[in-house]
Amino acid sequence: MEYKDYYNTLGVDKDADQDEIRRAFRRLARQHHPDVNPEDPDAAERFKEINEAYEVLYDPEKRAKYDRLGANWRRYERAGAQPGGFDWGQWTSGAPGGGAQRVHVRHGTPEDLQDLFGGESPFSDFFTQIFGGMGGGGVGTAPGGTPRSGAPRTGAQPGGFQYRARPQQGRDLKQEVEISLCEAYEGTTRILERNGRRLEVKIPAGARTGTRVRVAGEGAPGAAGGEAGDLYLHVKLRPDPRFERQGDNLRVRAPVDLYTAVLGGEAEVPTVTGTLMLTIPPGTQNGQVFRLQGQGMPELRNPQEHGDLYAEVHVRLPTDLSPRERELFEQLRTISGEGVQ
């Protein structure tokens, strides 16, 4: 049976006070909790060791008893291979915290810890031998290995009993998917590979960056017969070179030549699905904005309704004027100047 160096497990000195021990435990528990490390098969075992070390070192009676054993641990190791073994009587009977006591689990209830470890005891054989454990007078048992009142059983067990592991739902998982503005306008699908299966997931029209799409039962598997968690697709919208999205509304630049801006006419305005002809009144100024009602994005919860499209006029000035064009502009400037006088 392996000796457990609890101080080394928590990374604290032997003269560490209870505040240091508590801080070390909390830091390590957050780092190694199985829920934080679902892909690491060793996380549960490390968490188990951390919890056990804290159970002993934070309890003054258990810590004093463990420290007394520490000075004799090499004698214990040598005696372990000898006939009769090491005399554990001085540690497990008569001393405070002996085998008949009920262990108080500080990180959670015994049932919680057993659920976490698949129904197994949350304590090592070393802990059980020194302080009592799940079998023969430990957590949830009375002296002599008899289940305490109300403790659930899984049937008669040699040396004691076990708690029945309660079903636990698996963790929800997250996956990011990127879509274009046109896909967000029409709605789209994505093909996912999950556990050797191909899933076709629909992304609704009107989706935007931050929209979540739930895929029920495709998260992490549950424990002890519990249901699997869910998978959530987090939508990210790719920037579009033509449009700026503002909620369900869109903004677009509408190029207009100088003559149309001055005299009036029509200009083409791009939309997500094609183009529209926008009426330009005479004297339209550069930067003027026109609202095209219902030409924006569909509403996520009500895709029959749409936002608006705002077209901002950008007047294009003529370049490379011919001599005749330059002459006419000179005349316009003269006429305009005379009008001001």
C-alpha atoms as a PDB file:
ATOM      1  CA  MET A   1       0.000   0.000   0.000  1.00  0.00           C
ATOM      2  CA  GLU A   2       1.486   3.303  -1.093  1.00  0.00           C
ATOM      3  CA  TYR A   3       2.214   6.062   1.412  1.00  0.00           C
ATOM      4  CA  LYS A   4       0.459   9.328   0.463  1.00  0.00           C
ATOM      5  CA  ASP A   5       2.448  12.590   0.767  1.00  0.00           C
ATOM      6  CA  TYR A   6      -0.470  14.976   1.206  1.00  0.00           C
ATOM      7  CA  TYR A   7       1.740  18.050   1.610  1.00  0.00           C
ATOM      8  CA  ASN A   8       3.348  17.354  -1.752  1.00  0.00           C
ATOM      9  CA  THR A   9      -0.082  16.772  -3.333  1.00  0.00           C
ATOM     10  CA  LEU A  10      -1.255  20.275  -2.353  1.00  0.00           C
ATOM     11  CA  GLY A  11       2.172  21.823  -2.915  1.00  0.00           C
ATOM     12  CA  VAL A  12       2.417  23.315   0.607  1.00  0.00           C
ATOM     13  CA  ASP A  13       5.060  23.211   3.344  1.00  0.00           C
ATOM     14  CA  LYS A  14       4.562  21.092   6.469  1.00  0.00           C
ATOM     15  CA  ASP A  15       4.166  24.241   8.569  1.00  0.00           C
ATOM     16  CA  ALA A  16       1.491  25.733   6.262  1.00  0.00           C
ATOM     17  CA  ASP A  17      -1.495  27.205   8.090  1.00  0.00           C
ATOM     18  CA  GLN A  18      -5.117  26.473   7.278  1.00  0.00           C
ATOM     19  CA  ASP A  19      -5.504  29.549   5.034  1.00  0.00           C
ATOM     20  CA  GLU A  20      -2.565  28.420   2.880  1.00  0.00           C
ATOM     21  CA  ILE A  21      -3.983  24.909   2.670  1.00  0.00           C
ATOM     22  CA  ARG A  22      -7.434  26.180   1.718  1.00  0.00           C
ATOM     23  CA  ARG A  23      -6.047  28.497  -0.978  1.00  0.00           C
ATOM     24  CA  ALA A  24      -3.890  25.711  -2.438  1.00  0.00           C
ATOM     25  CA  PHE A  25      -6.850  23.334  -2.507  1.00  0.00           C
ATOM     26  CA  ARG A  26      -9.169  25.817  -4.217  1.00  0.00           C
ATOM     27  CA  ARG A  27      -6.588  26.633  -6.872  1.00  0.00           C
ATOM     28  CA  LEU A  28      -5.839  22.982  -7.637  1.00  0.00           C
ATOM     29  CA  ALA A  29      -9.503  21.938  -7.476  1.00  0.00           C
ATOM     30  CA  ARG A  30     -10.452  24.534 -10.086  1.00  0.00           C
ATOM     31  CA  GLN A  31      -7.529  23.485 -12.276  1.00  0.00           C
ATOM     32  CA  HIS A  32      -8.089  19.731 -12.146  1.00  0.00           C
ATOM     33  CA  HIS A  33     -11.860  19.343 -11.723  1.00  0.00           C
ATOM     34  CA  PRO A  34     -13.118  16.671 -14.202  1.00  0.00           C
ATOM     35  CA  ASP A  35     -15.803  19.036 -15.528  1.00  0.00           C
ATOM     36  CA  VAL A  36     -13.073  21.486 -16.559  1.00  0.00           C
ATOM     37  CA  ASN A  37     -11.009  18.722 -18.201  1.00  0.00           C
ATOM     38  CA  PRO A  38     -13.566  16.464 -19.956  1.00  0.00           C
ATOM     39  CA  GLU A  39     -10.980  15.139 -22.430  1.00  0.00           C
ATOM     40  CA  ASP A  40      -8.377  14.235 -19.764  1.00  0.00           C
ATOM     41  CA  PRO A  41      -8.914  10.689 -18.420  1.00  0.00           C
ATOM     42  CA  ASP A  42      -6.523  11.348 -15.504  1.00  0.00           C
ATOM     43  CA  ALA A  43      -8.269  14.489 -14.242  1.00  0.00           C
ATOM     44  CA  ALA A  44     -10.679  12.606 -11.949  1.00  0.00           C
ATOM     45  CA  GLU A  45      -7.841  10.733 -10.261  1.00  0.00           C
ATOM     46  CA  ARG A  46      -5.832  13.933  -9.675  1.00  0.00           C
ATOM     47  CA  PHE A  47      -8.905  15.655  -8.311  1.00  0.00           C
ATOM     48  CA  LYS A  48      -9.508  12.680  -6.019  1.00  0.00           C
ATOM     49  CA  GLU A  49      -5.974  12.948  -4.621  1.00  0.00           C
ATOM     50  CA  ILE A  50      -6.317  16.703  -4.094  1.00  0.00           C
ATOM     51  CA  ASN A  51      -9.621  16.295  -2.249  1.00  0.00           C
ATOM     52  CA  GLU A  52      -8.194  13.548  -0.037  1.00  0.00           C
ATOM     53  CA  ALA A  53      -5.127  15.639   0.850  1.00  0.00           C
ATOM     54  CA  TYR A  54      -7.325  18.573   1.794  1.00  0.00           C
ATOM     55  CA  GLU A  55      -9.608  16.332   3.861  1.00  0.00           C
ATOM     56  CA  VAL A  56      -6.639  15.334   6.009  1.00  0.00           C
ATOM     57  CA  LEU A  57      -4.558  18.528   6.219  1.00  0.00           C
ATOM     58  CA  TYR A  58      -7.437  20.930   6.854  1.00  0.00           C
ATOM     59  CA  ASP A  59      -8.763  18.858   9.774  1.00  0.00           C
ATOM     60  CA  PRO A  60      -6.515  19.496  12.833  1.00  0.00           C
ATOM     61  CA  GLU A  61      -7.104  16.017  14.345  1.00  0.00           C
ATOM     62  CA  LYS A  62      -6.482  14.162  11.105  1.00  0.00           C
ATOM     63  CA  ARG A  63      -3.460  16.298  10.331  1.00  0.00           C
ATOM     64  CA  ALA A  64      -1.894  15.629  13.754  1.00  0.00           C
ATOM     65  CA  LYS A  65      -2.492  11.924  13.340  1.00  0.00           C
ATOM     66  CA  TYR A  66      -1.032  11.978   9.809  1.00  0.00           C
ATOM     67  CA  ASP A  67       2.031  13.905  11.005  1.00  0.00           C
ATOM     68  CA  ARG A  68       2.651  11.297  13.739  1.00  0.00           C
ATOM     69  CA  LEU A  69       2.554   8.596  11.100  1.00  0.00           C
ATOM     70  CA  GLY A  70       4.885  10.587   8.856  1.00  0.00           C
ATOM     71  CA  ALA A  71       7.839  10.110  11.190  1.00  0.00           C
ATOM     72  CA  ASN A  72       7.360   6.327  11.009  1.00  0.00           C
ATOM     73  CA  TRP A  73       6.452   5.867   7.352  1.00  0.00           C
ATOM     74  CA  ARG A  74       9.733   4.149   6.410  1.00  0.00           C
ATOM     75  CA  ARG A  75       9.122   1.614   9.204  1.00  0.00           C
ATOM     76  CA  TYR A  76       5.657   1.130   7.761  1.00  0.00           C
ATOM     77  CA  GLU A  77       7.115   0.507   4.275  1.00  0.00           C
ATOM     78  CA  ARG A  78       9.648  -2.043   5.564  1.00  0.00           C
ATOM     79  CA  ALA A  79       7.072  -3.797   7.703  1.00  0.00           C
ATOM     80  CA  GLY A  80       4.589  -4.028   4.852  1.00  0.00           C
ATOM     81  CA  ALA A  81       6.523  -6.914   3.321  1.00  0.00           C
ATOM     82  CA  GLN A  82       7.044  -8.769   6.636  1.00  0.00           C
ATOM     83  CA  PRO A  83       4.779 -11.488   8.051  1.00  0.00           C
ATOM     84  CA  GLY A  84       2.113  -9.821  10.095  1.00  0.00           C
ATOM     85  CA  GLY A  85       2.809  -6.480   8.465  1.00  0.00           C
ATOM     86  CA  PHE A  86       2.824  -3.138  10.258  1.00  0.00           C
ATOM     87  CA  ASP A  87       0.805  -2.746  13.474  1.00  0.00           C
ATOM     88  CA  TRP A  88      -1.870  -0.277  12.494  1.00  0.00           C
ATOM     89  CA  GLY A  89      -3.618  -0.591  15.864  1.00  0.00           C
ATOM     90  CA  GLN A  90      -1.856   2.477  17.259  1.00  0.00           C
ATOM     91  CA  TRP A  91      -3.256   4.522  14.366  1.00  0.00           C
ATOM     92  CA  THR A  92      -6.740   3.104  13.732  1.00  0.00           C
ATOM     93  CA  SER A  93      -8.052   2.269  17.203  1.00  0.00           C
ATOM     94  CA  GLY A  94      -8.164   4.337  20.318  1.00  0.00           C
ATOM     95  CA  ALA A  95      -6.577   7.399  18.698  1.00  0.00           C
ATOM     96  CA  PRO A  96      -8.685  10.402  17.713  1.00  0.00           C
ATOM     97  CA  GLY A  97     -10.188   9.983  14.291  1.00  0.00           C
ATOM     98  CA  GLY A  98     -10.031   6.138  14.324  1.00  0.00           C
ATOM     99  CA  GLY A  99     -11.637   3.727  11.917  1.00  0.00           C
ATOM    100  CA  ALA A 100     -15.105   3.940  13.489  1.00  0.00           C
ATOM    101  CA  GLN A 101     -15.552   7.638  12.869  1.00  0.00           C
ATOM    102  CA  ARG A 102     -17.615   9.069  10.064  1.00  0.00           C
ATOM    103  CA  VAL A 103     -15.495  10.921   7.530  1.00  0.00           C
ATOM    104  CA  HIS A 104     -16.548  14.488   6.802  1.00  0.00           C
ATOM    105  CA  VAL A 105     -15.967  15.333   3.149  1.00  0.00           C
ATOM    106  CA  ARG A 106     -15.319  19.052   2.872  1.00  0.00           C
ATOM    107  CA  HIS A 107     -15.601  19.433  -0.904  1.00  0.00           C
ATOM    108  CA  GLY A 108     -19.047  17.888  -1.202  1.00  0.00           C
ATOM    109  CA  THR A 109     -21.328  15.167   0.077  1.00  0.00           C
ATOM    110  CA  PRO A 110     -20.194  11.517  -0.154  1.00  0.00           C
ATOM    111  CA  GLU A 111     -22.883  10.961  -2.775  1.00  0.00           C
ATOM    112  CA  ASP A 112     -21.579  13.877  -4.854  1.00  0.00           C
ATOM    113  CA  LEU A 113     -18.025  12.577  -4.769  1.00  0.00           C
ATOM    114  CA  GLN A 114     -19.072   9.032  -5.587  1.00  0.00           C
ATOM    115  CA  ASP A 115     -21.109  10.299  -8.536  1.00  0.00           C
ATOM    116  CA  LEU A 116     -18.044  12.188  -9.701  1.00  0.00           C
ATOM    117  CA  PHE A 117     -15.882   9.069  -9.492  1.00  0.00           C
ATOM    118  CA  GLY A 118     -18.354   6.681 -11.074  1.00  0.00           C
ATOM    119  CA  GLY A 119     -19.610   5.157  -7.816  1.00  0.00           C
ATOM    120  CA  GLU A 120     -16.145   4.368  -6.455  1.00  0.00           C
ATOM    121  CA  SER A 121     -14.873   5.426  -3.035  1.00  0.00           C
ATOM    122  CA  PRO A 122     -13.418   8.948  -3.146  1.00  0.00           C
ATOM    123  CA  PHE A 123     -10.585   7.846  -0.823  1.00  0.00           C
ATOM    124  CA  SER A 124      -7.474   5.723  -1.286  1.00  0.00           C
ATOM    125  CA  ASP A 125      -6.693   2.506   0.607  1.00  0.00           C
ATOM    126  CA  PHE A 126      -4.079   4.464   2.552  1.00  0.00           C
ATOM    127  CA  PHE A 127      -6.692   6.963   3.779  1.00  0.00           C
ATOM    128  CA  THR A 128      -9.173   4.218   4.538  1.00  0.00           C
ATOM    129  CA  GLN A 129      -6.625   2.279   6.610  1.00  0.00           C
ATOM    130  CA  ILE A 130      -5.678   5.338   8.688  1.00  0.00           C
ATOM    131  CA  PHE A 131      -8.960   7.207   9.067  1.00  0.00           C
ATOM    132  CA  GLY A 132     -11.694   4.785   7.997  1.00  0.00           C
ATOM    133  CA  GLY A 133     -13.330   4.799   4.594  1.00  0.00           C
ATOM    134  CA  MET A 134     -16.130   3.620   2.414  1.00  0.00           C
ATOM    135  CA  GLY A 135     -15.863  -0.021   3.413  1.00  0.00           C
ATOM    136  CA  GLY A 136     -16.012  -1.116   7.057  1.00  0.00           C
ATOM    137  CA  GLY A 137     -16.806   2.027   9.003  1.00  0.00           C
ATOM    138  CA  GLY A 138     -16.282   4.948   6.681  1.00  0.00           C
ATOM    139  CA  VAL A 139     -18.432   7.488   4.938  1.00  0.00           C
ATOM    140  CA  GLY A 140     -22.080   6.583   5.215  1.00  0.00           C
ATOM    141  CA  THR A 141     -21.501   3.538   7.454  1.00  0.00           C
ATOM    142  CA  ALA A 142     -21.851   2.864  11.117  1.00  0.00           C
ATOM    143  CA  PRO A 143     -19.176   0.928  13.074  1.00  0.00           C
ATOM    144  CA  GLY A 144     -18.934  -2.604  11.777  1.00  0.00           C
ATOM    145  CA  GLY A 145     -19.754  -1.700   8.182  1.00  0.00           C
ATOM    146  CA  THR A 146     -23.549  -1.394   8.651  1.00  0.00           C
ATOM    147  CA  PRO A 147     -25.191   1.198   6.405  1.00  0.00           C
ATOM    148  CA  ARG A 148     -26.420   4.251   8.229  1.00  0.00           C
ATOM    149  CA  SER A 149     -30.107   5.052   8.120  1.00  0.00           C
ATOM    150  CA  GLY A 150     -31.251   6.321   4.765  1.00  0.00           C
ATOM    151  CA  ALA A 151     -28.044   5.387   2.890  1.00  0.00           C
ATOM    152  CA  PRO A 152     -28.894   3.887  -0.516  1.00  0.00           C
ATOM    153  CA  ARG A 153     -27.412   0.481  -1.375  1.00  0.00           C
ATOM    154  CA  THR A 154     -26.390  -1.290  -4.519  1.00  0.00           C
ATOM    155  CA  GLY A 155     -26.601  -4.687  -2.836  1.00  0.00           C
ATOM    156  CA  ALA A 156     -24.471  -6.596  -0.329  1.00  0.00           C
ATOM    157  CA  GLN A 157     -20.771  -5.826  -0.825  1.00  0.00           C
ATOM    158  CA  PRO A 158     -17.811  -7.630   0.791  1.00  0.00           C
ATOM    159  CA  GLY A 159     -16.483  -5.375   3.569  1.00  0.00           C
ATOM    160  CA  GLY A 160     -19.231  -2.769   3.294  1.00  0.00           C
ATOM    161  CA  PHE A 161     -21.494  -1.166   0.706  1.00  0.00           C
ATOM    162  CA  GLN A 162     -21.464   1.433  -2.056  1.00  0.00           C
ATOM    163  CA  TYR A 163     -23.658   4.408  -2.797  1.00  0.00           C
ATOM    164  CA  ARG A 164     -25.735   4.186  -5.937  1.00  0.00           C
ATOM    165  CA  ALA A 165     -24.382   6.652  -8.483  1.00  0.00           C
ATOM    166  CA  ARG A 166     -27.044   9.154  -9.491  1.00  0.00           C
ATOM    167  CA  PRO A 167     -27.517   9.841 -13.220  1.00  0.00           C
ATOM    168  CA  GLN A 168     -25.869  13.082 -14.298  1.00  0.00           C
ATOM    169  CA  GLN A 169     -26.480  14.958 -17.519  1.00  0.00           C
ATOM    170  CA  GLY A 170     -23.456  15.510 -19.725  1.00  0.00           C
ATOM    171  CA  ARG A 171     -21.896  18.921 -20.265  1.00  0.00           C
ATOM    172  CA  ASP A 172     -23.081  21.258 -23.008  1.00  0.00           C
ATOM    173  CA  LEU A 173     -20.528  21.840 -25.773  1.00  0.00           C
ATOM    174  CA  LYS A 174     -19.894  24.873 -27.991  1.00  0.00           C
ATOM    175  CA  GLN A 175     -18.768  25.082 -31.616  1.00  0.00           C
ATOM    176  CA  GLU A 176     -18.327  28.211 -33.751  1.00  0.00           C
ATOM    177  CA  VAL A 177     -19.671  28.350 -37.307  1.00  0.00           C
ATOM    178  CA  GLU A 178     -19.058  31.160 -39.800  1.00  0.00           C
ATOM    179  CA  ILE A 179     -21.670  32.215 -42.356  1.00  0.00           C
ATOM    180  CA  SER A 180     -21.942  34.890 -45.060  1.00  0.00           C
ATOM    181  CA  LEU A 181     -24.458  37.716 -45.129  1.00  0.00           C
ATOM    182  CA  CYS A 182     -26.318  36.028 -48.008  1.00  0.00           C
ATOM    183  CA  GLU A 183     -26.556  32.800 -45.973  1.00  0.00           C
ATOM    184  CA  ALA A 184     -27.862  34.796 -43.021  1.00  0.00           C
ATOM    185  CA  TYR A 185     -30.472  36.385 -45.297  1.00  0.00           C
ATOM    186  CA  GLU A 186     -31.781  33.118 -46.749  1.00  0.00           C
ATOM    187  CA  GLY A 187     -30.976  30.723 -43.911  1.00  0.00           C
ATOM    188  CA  THR A 188     -28.498  27.896 -44.429  1.00  0.00           C
ATOM    189  CA  THR A 189     -27.292  24.513 -43.133  1.00  0.00           C
ATOM    190  CA  ARG A 190     -24.027  23.077 -41.861  1.00  0.00           C
ATOM    191  CA  ILE A 191     -22.902  19.429 -41.928  1.00  0.00           C
ATOM    192  CA  LEU A 192     -21.241  18.312 -38.676  1.00  0.00           C
ATOM    193  CA  GLU A 193     -19.379  15.128 -37.804  1.00  0.00           C
ATOM    194  CA  ARG A 194     -20.386  13.894 -34.333  1.00  0.00           C
ATOM    195  CA  ASN A 195     -19.340  10.511 -32.955  1.00  0.00           C
ATOM    196  CA  GLY A 196     -18.981   9.023 -36.422  1.00  0.00           C
ATOM    197  CA  ARG A 197     -22.315  10.424 -37.610  1.00  0.00           C
ATOM    198  CA  ARG A 198     -23.113  13.222 -40.058  1.00  0.00           C
ATOM    199  CA  LEU A 199     -25.585  15.797 -38.787  1.00  0.00           C
ATOM    200  CA  GLU A 200     -27.275  18.449 -40.901  1.00  0.00           C
ATOM    201  CA  VAL A 201     -28.006  21.488 -38.741  1.00  0.00           C
ATOM    202  CA  LYS A 202     -30.240  24.320 -39.946  1.00  0.00           C
ATOM    203  CA  ILE A 203     -29.179  27.914 -39.250  1.00  0.00           C
ATOM    204  CA  PRO A 204     -32.267  30.149 -39.456  1.00  0.00           C
ATOM    205  CA  ALA A 205     -32.702  33.236 -41.610  1.00  0.00           C
ATOM    206  CA  GLY A 206     -31.832  36.412 -39.721  1.00  0.00           C
ATOM    207  CA  ALA A 207     -28.981  34.832 -37.752  1.00  0.00           C
ATOM    208  CA  ARG A 208     -26.223  37.234 -36.735  1.00  0.00           C
ATOM    209  CA  THR A 209     -22.951  37.131 -34.807  1.00  0.00           C
ATOM    210  CA  GLY A 210     -23.773  35.743 -31.354  1.00  0.00           C
ATOM    211  CA  THR A 211     -26.835  33.744 -32.432  1.00  0.00           C
ATOM    212  CA  ARG A 212     -26.859  30.290 -30.792  1.00  0.00           C
ATOM    213  CA  VAL A 213     -28.348  27.211 -32.463  1.00  0.00           C
ATOM    214  CA  ARG A 214     -29.102  24.305 -30.108  1.00  0.00           C
ATOM    215  CA  VAL A 215     -28.567  20.715 -31.218  1.00  0.00           C
ATOM    216  CA  ALA A 216     -30.217  18.608 -28.517  1.00  0.00           C
ATOM    217  CA  GLY A 217     -28.397  15.556 -27.154  1.00  0.00           C
ATOM    218  CA  GLU A 218     -25.159  16.104 -29.094  1.00  0.00           C
ATOM    219  CA  GLY A 219     -23.044  17.359 -26.195  1.00  0.00           C
ATOM    220  CA  ALA A 220     -20.847  15.365 -23.825  1.00  0.00           C
ATOM    221  CA  PRO A 221     -22.221  11.966 -22.729  1.00  0.00           C
ATOM    222  CA  GLY A 222     -23.904  11.698 -19.348  1.00  0.00           C
ATOM    223  CA  ALA A 223     -22.665   9.682 -16.368  1.00  0.00           C
ATOM    224  CA  ALA A 224     -24.362   6.705 -14.722  1.00  0.00           C
ATOM    225  CA  GLY A 225     -27.069   6.553 -17.370  1.00  0.00           C
ATOM    226  CA  GLY A 226     -27.693  10.307 -17.479  1.00  0.00           C
ATOM    227  CA  GLU A 227     -28.703  12.070 -20.683  1.00  0.00           C
ATOM    228  CA  ALA A 228     -26.112  13.633 -22.956  1.00  0.00           C
ATOM    229  CA  GLY A 229     -25.704  17.401 -22.916  1.00  0.00           C
ATOM    230  CA  ASP A 230     -26.509  19.676 -25.852  1.00  0.00           C
ATOM    231  CA  LEU A 231     -24.325  21.117 -28.585  1.00  0.00           C
ATOM    232  CA  TYR A 232     -24.600  24.861 -29.237  1.00  0.00           C
ATOM    233  CA  LEU A 233     -23.462  26.349 -32.529  1.00  0.00           C
ATOM    234  CA  HIS A 234     -22.281  29.946 -32.047  1.00  0.00           C
ATOM    235  CA  VAL A 235     -22.790  31.890 -35.275  1.00  0.00           C
ATOM    236  CA  LYS A 236     -20.185  34.352 -36.549  1.00  0.00           C
ATOM    237  CA  LEU A 237     -21.114  36.565 -39.517  1.00  0.00           C
ATOM    238  CA  ARG A 238     -18.374  37.228 -42.077  1.00  0.00           C
ATOM    239  CA  PRO A 239     -17.951  40.902 -43.097  1.00  0.00           C
ATOM    240  CA  ASP A 240     -19.523  41.774 -46.449  1.00  0.00           C
ATOM    241  CA  PRO A 241     -17.688  44.213 -48.757  1.00  0.00           C
ATOM    242  CA  ARG A 242     -20.950  45.853 -49.882  1.00  0.00           C
ATOM    243  CA  PHE A 243     -23.154  46.099 -46.815  1.00  0.00           C
ATOM    244  CA  GLU A 244     -22.820  47.191 -43.215  1.00  0.00           C
ATOM    245  CA  ARG A 245     -25.265  45.407 -40.937  1.00  0.00           C
ATOM    246  CA  GLN A 246     -26.880  47.301 -38.063  1.00  0.00           C
ATOM    247  CA  GLY A 247     -29.305  44.955 -36.331  1.00  0.00           C
ATOM    248  CA  ASP A 248     -31.835  44.002 -38.996  1.00  0.00           C
ATOM    249  CA  ASN A 249     -31.036  47.105 -41.063  1.00  0.00           C
ATOM    250  CA  LEU A 250     -28.385  47.390 -43.778  1.00  0.00           C
ATOM    251  CA  ARG A 251     -26.388  50.361 -45.054  1.00  0.00           C
ATOM    252  CA  VAL A 252     -24.974  50.577 -48.579  1.00  0.00           C
ATOM    253  CA  ARG A 253     -23.194  53.171 -50.711  1.00  0.00           C
ATOM    254  CA  ALA A 254     -25.067  54.323 -53.827  1.00  0.00           C
ATOM    255  CA  PRO A 255     -22.750  55.860 -56.473  1.00  0.00           C
ATOM    256  CA  VAL A 256     -24.473  58.728 -58.390  1.00  0.00           C
ATOM    257  CA  ASP A 257     -22.909  60.747 -61.216  1.00  0.00           C
ATOM    258  CA  LEU A 258     -22.749  64.532 -60.951  1.00  0.00           C
ATOM    259  CA  TYR A 259     -25.343  65.182 -63.610  1.00  0.00           C
ATOM    260  CA  THR A 260     -27.949  62.913 -61.985  1.00  0.00           C
ATOM    261  CA  ALA A 261     -27.280  64.475 -58.591  1.00  0.00           C
ATOM    262  CA  VAL A 262     -27.753  67.982 -60.036  1.00  0.00           C
ATOM    263  CA  LEU A 263     -30.576  67.357 -62.475  1.00  0.00           C
ATOM    264  CA  GLY A 264     -32.291  64.336 -60.923  1.00  0.00           C
ATOM    265  CA  GLY A 265     -32.818  60.861 -62.334  1.00  0.00           C
ATOM    266  CA  GLU A 266     -32.322  57.278 -61.219  1.00  0.00           C
ATOM    267  CA  ALA A 267     -29.427  55.288 -59.748  1.00  0.00           C
ATOM    268  CA  GLU A 268     -28.894  51.581 -59.185  1.00  0.00           C
ATOM    269  CA  VAL A 269     -28.738  50.473 -55.548  1.00  0.00           C
ATOM    270  CA  PRO A 270     -27.450  46.979 -54.652  1.00  0.00           C
ATOM    271  CA  THR A 271     -29.543  44.780 -52.338  1.00  0.00           C
ATOM    272  CA  VAL A 272     -28.769  41.334 -50.897  1.00  0.00           C
ATOM    273  CA  THR A 273     -30.876  39.694 -53.600  1.00  0.00           C
ATOM    274  CA  GLY A 274     -30.162  41.980 -56.598  1.00  0.00           C
ATOM    275  CA  THR A 275     -30.517  45.682 -57.456  1.00  0.00           C
ATOM    276  CA  LEU A 276     -33.206  48.362 -57.227  1.00  0.00           C
ATOM    277  CA  MET A 277     -33.623  51.657 -59.075  1.00  0.00           C
ATOM    278  CA  LEU A 278     -33.600  54.586 -56.667  1.00  0.00           C
ATOM    279  CA  THR A 279     -35.209  57.884 -57.693  1.00  0.00           C
ATOM    280  CA  ILE A 280     -32.744  60.733 -57.224  1.00  0.00           C
ATOM    281  CA  PRO A 281     -34.389  64.158 -56.894  1.00  0.00           C
ATOM    282  CA  PRO A 282     -32.684  67.218 -58.427  1.00  0.00           C
ATOM    283  CA  GLY A 283     -30.073  68.840 -56.208  1.00  0.00           C
ATOM    284  CA  THR A 284     -29.285  65.671 -54.208  1.00  0.00           C
ATOM    285  CA  GLN A 285     -26.271  66.293 -51.970  1.00  0.00           C
ATOM    286  CA  ASN A 286     -23.273  64.018 -51.469  1.00  0.00           C
ATOM    287  CA  GLY A 287     -23.827  61.850 -48.362  1.00  0.00           C
ATOM    288  CA  GLN A 288     -27.609  62.172 -48.443  1.00  0.00           C
ATOM    289  CA  VAL A 289     -29.312  58.977 -47.187  1.00  0.00           C
ATOM    290  CA  PHE A 290     -32.433  57.356 -48.650  1.00  0.00           C
ATOM    291  CA  ARG A 291     -34.455  54.681 -46.829  1.00  0.00           C
ATOM    292  CA  LEU A 292     -35.698  51.645 -48.757  1.00  0.00           C
ATOM    293  CA  GLN A 293     -38.307  50.093 -46.488  1.00  0.00           C
ATOM    294  CA  GLY A 294     -38.296  46.297 -46.036  1.00  0.00           C
ATOM    295  CA  GLN A 295     -35.076  45.722 -47.996  1.00  0.00           C
ATOM    296  CA  GLY A 296     -32.952  44.820 -44.963  1.00  0.00           C
ATOM    297  CA  MET A 297     -32.388  41.520 -43.144  1.00  0.00           C
ATOM    298  CA  PRO A 298     -35.201  39.201 -42.006  1.00  0.00           C
ATOM    299  CA  GLU A 299     -36.035  39.244 -38.316  1.00  0.00           C
ATOM    300  CA  LEU A 300     -34.705  36.136 -36.554  1.00  0.00           C
ATOM    301  CA  ARG A 301     -37.948  35.362 -34.681  1.00  0.00           C
ATOM    302  CA  ASN A 302     -40.253  36.557 -37.473  1.00  0.00           C
ATOM    303  CA  PRO A 303     -38.487  36.053 -40.836  1.00  0.00           C
ATOM    304  CA  GLN A 304     -41.481  37.360 -42.805  1.00  0.00           C
ATOM    305  CA  GLU A 305     -40.623  40.822 -41.461  1.00  0.00           C
ATOM    306  CA  HIS A 306     -37.506  42.643 -42.668  1.00  0.00           C
ATOM    307  CA  GLY A 307     -35.448  45.618 -41.613  1.00  0.00           C
ATOM    308  CA  ASP A 308     -34.705  48.524 -43.953  1.00  0.00           C
ATOM    309  CA  LEU A 309     -31.916  49.341 -46.386  1.00  0.00           C
ATOM    310  CA  TYR A 310     -30.306  52.772 -46.074  1.00  0.00           C
ATOM    311  CA  ALA A 311     -28.596  53.982 -49.264  1.00  0.00           C
ATOM    312  CA  GLU A 312     -26.010  56.736 -48.836  1.00  0.00           C
ATOM    313  CA  VAL A 313     -25.390  58.805 -51.976  1.00  0.00           C
ATOM    314  CA  HIS A 314     -21.777  59.152 -53.115  1.00  0.00           C
ATOM    315  CA  VAL A 315     -21.546  61.638 -55.986  1.00  0.00           C
ATOM    316  CA  ARG A 316     -18.938  60.789 -58.602  1.00  0.00           C
ATOM    317  CA  LEU A 317     -17.243  63.852 -60.116  1.00  0.00           C
ATOM    318  CA  PRO A 318     -16.262  63.731 -63.798  1.00  0.00           C
ATOM    319  CA  THR A 319     -12.561  63.306 -64.678  1.00  0.00           C
ATOM    320  CA  ASP A 320     -10.566  63.793 -67.909  1.00  0.00           C
ATOM    321  CA  LEU A 321     -12.827  66.553 -69.167  1.00  0.00           C
ATOM    322  CA  SER A 322     -12.829  67.222 -72.874  1.00  0.00           C
ATOM    323  CA  PRO A 323     -12.125  70.802 -74.023  1.00  0.00           C
ATOM    324  CA  ARG A 324     -15.835  71.280 -74.748  1.00  0.00           C
ATOM    325  CA  GLU A 325     -16.857  69.964 -71.312  1.00  0.00           C
ATOM    326  CA  ARG A 326     -14.325  72.211 -69.637  1.00  0.00           C
ATOM    327  CA  GLU A 327     -15.647  75.186 -71.621  1.00  0.00           C
ATOM    328  CA  LEU A 328     -19.204  74.439 -70.492  1.00  0.00           C
ATOM    329  CA  PHE A 329     -18.152  74.155 -66.854  1.00  0.00           C
ATOM    330  CA  GLU A 330     -16.366  77.498 -67.155  1.00  0.00           C
ATOM    331  CA  GLN A 331     -19.570  78.987 -68.486  1.00  0.00           C
ATOM    332  CA  LEU A 332     -21.572  77.487 -65.606  1.00  0.00           C
ATOM    333  CA  ARG A 333     -19.134  78.983 -63.124  1.00  0.00           C
ATOM    334  CA  THR A 334     -19.452  82.373 -64.774  1.00  0.00           C
ATOM    335  CA  ILE A 335     -23.212  82.184 -64.816  1.00  0.00           C
ATOM    336  CA  SER A 336     -23.282  81.019 -61.216  1.00  0.00           C
ATOM    337  CA  GLY A 337     -21.015  83.896 -60.196  1.00  0.00           C
ATOM    338  CA  GLU A 338     -23.185  86.431 -61.993  1.00  0.00           C
ATOM    339  CA  GLY A 339     -26.209  85.022 -60.193  1.00  0.00           C
ATOM    340  CA  VAL A 340     -24.596  85.583 -56.824  1.00  0.00           C
ATOM    341  CA  GLN A 341     -23.917  89.257 -57.641  1.00  0.00           C
END
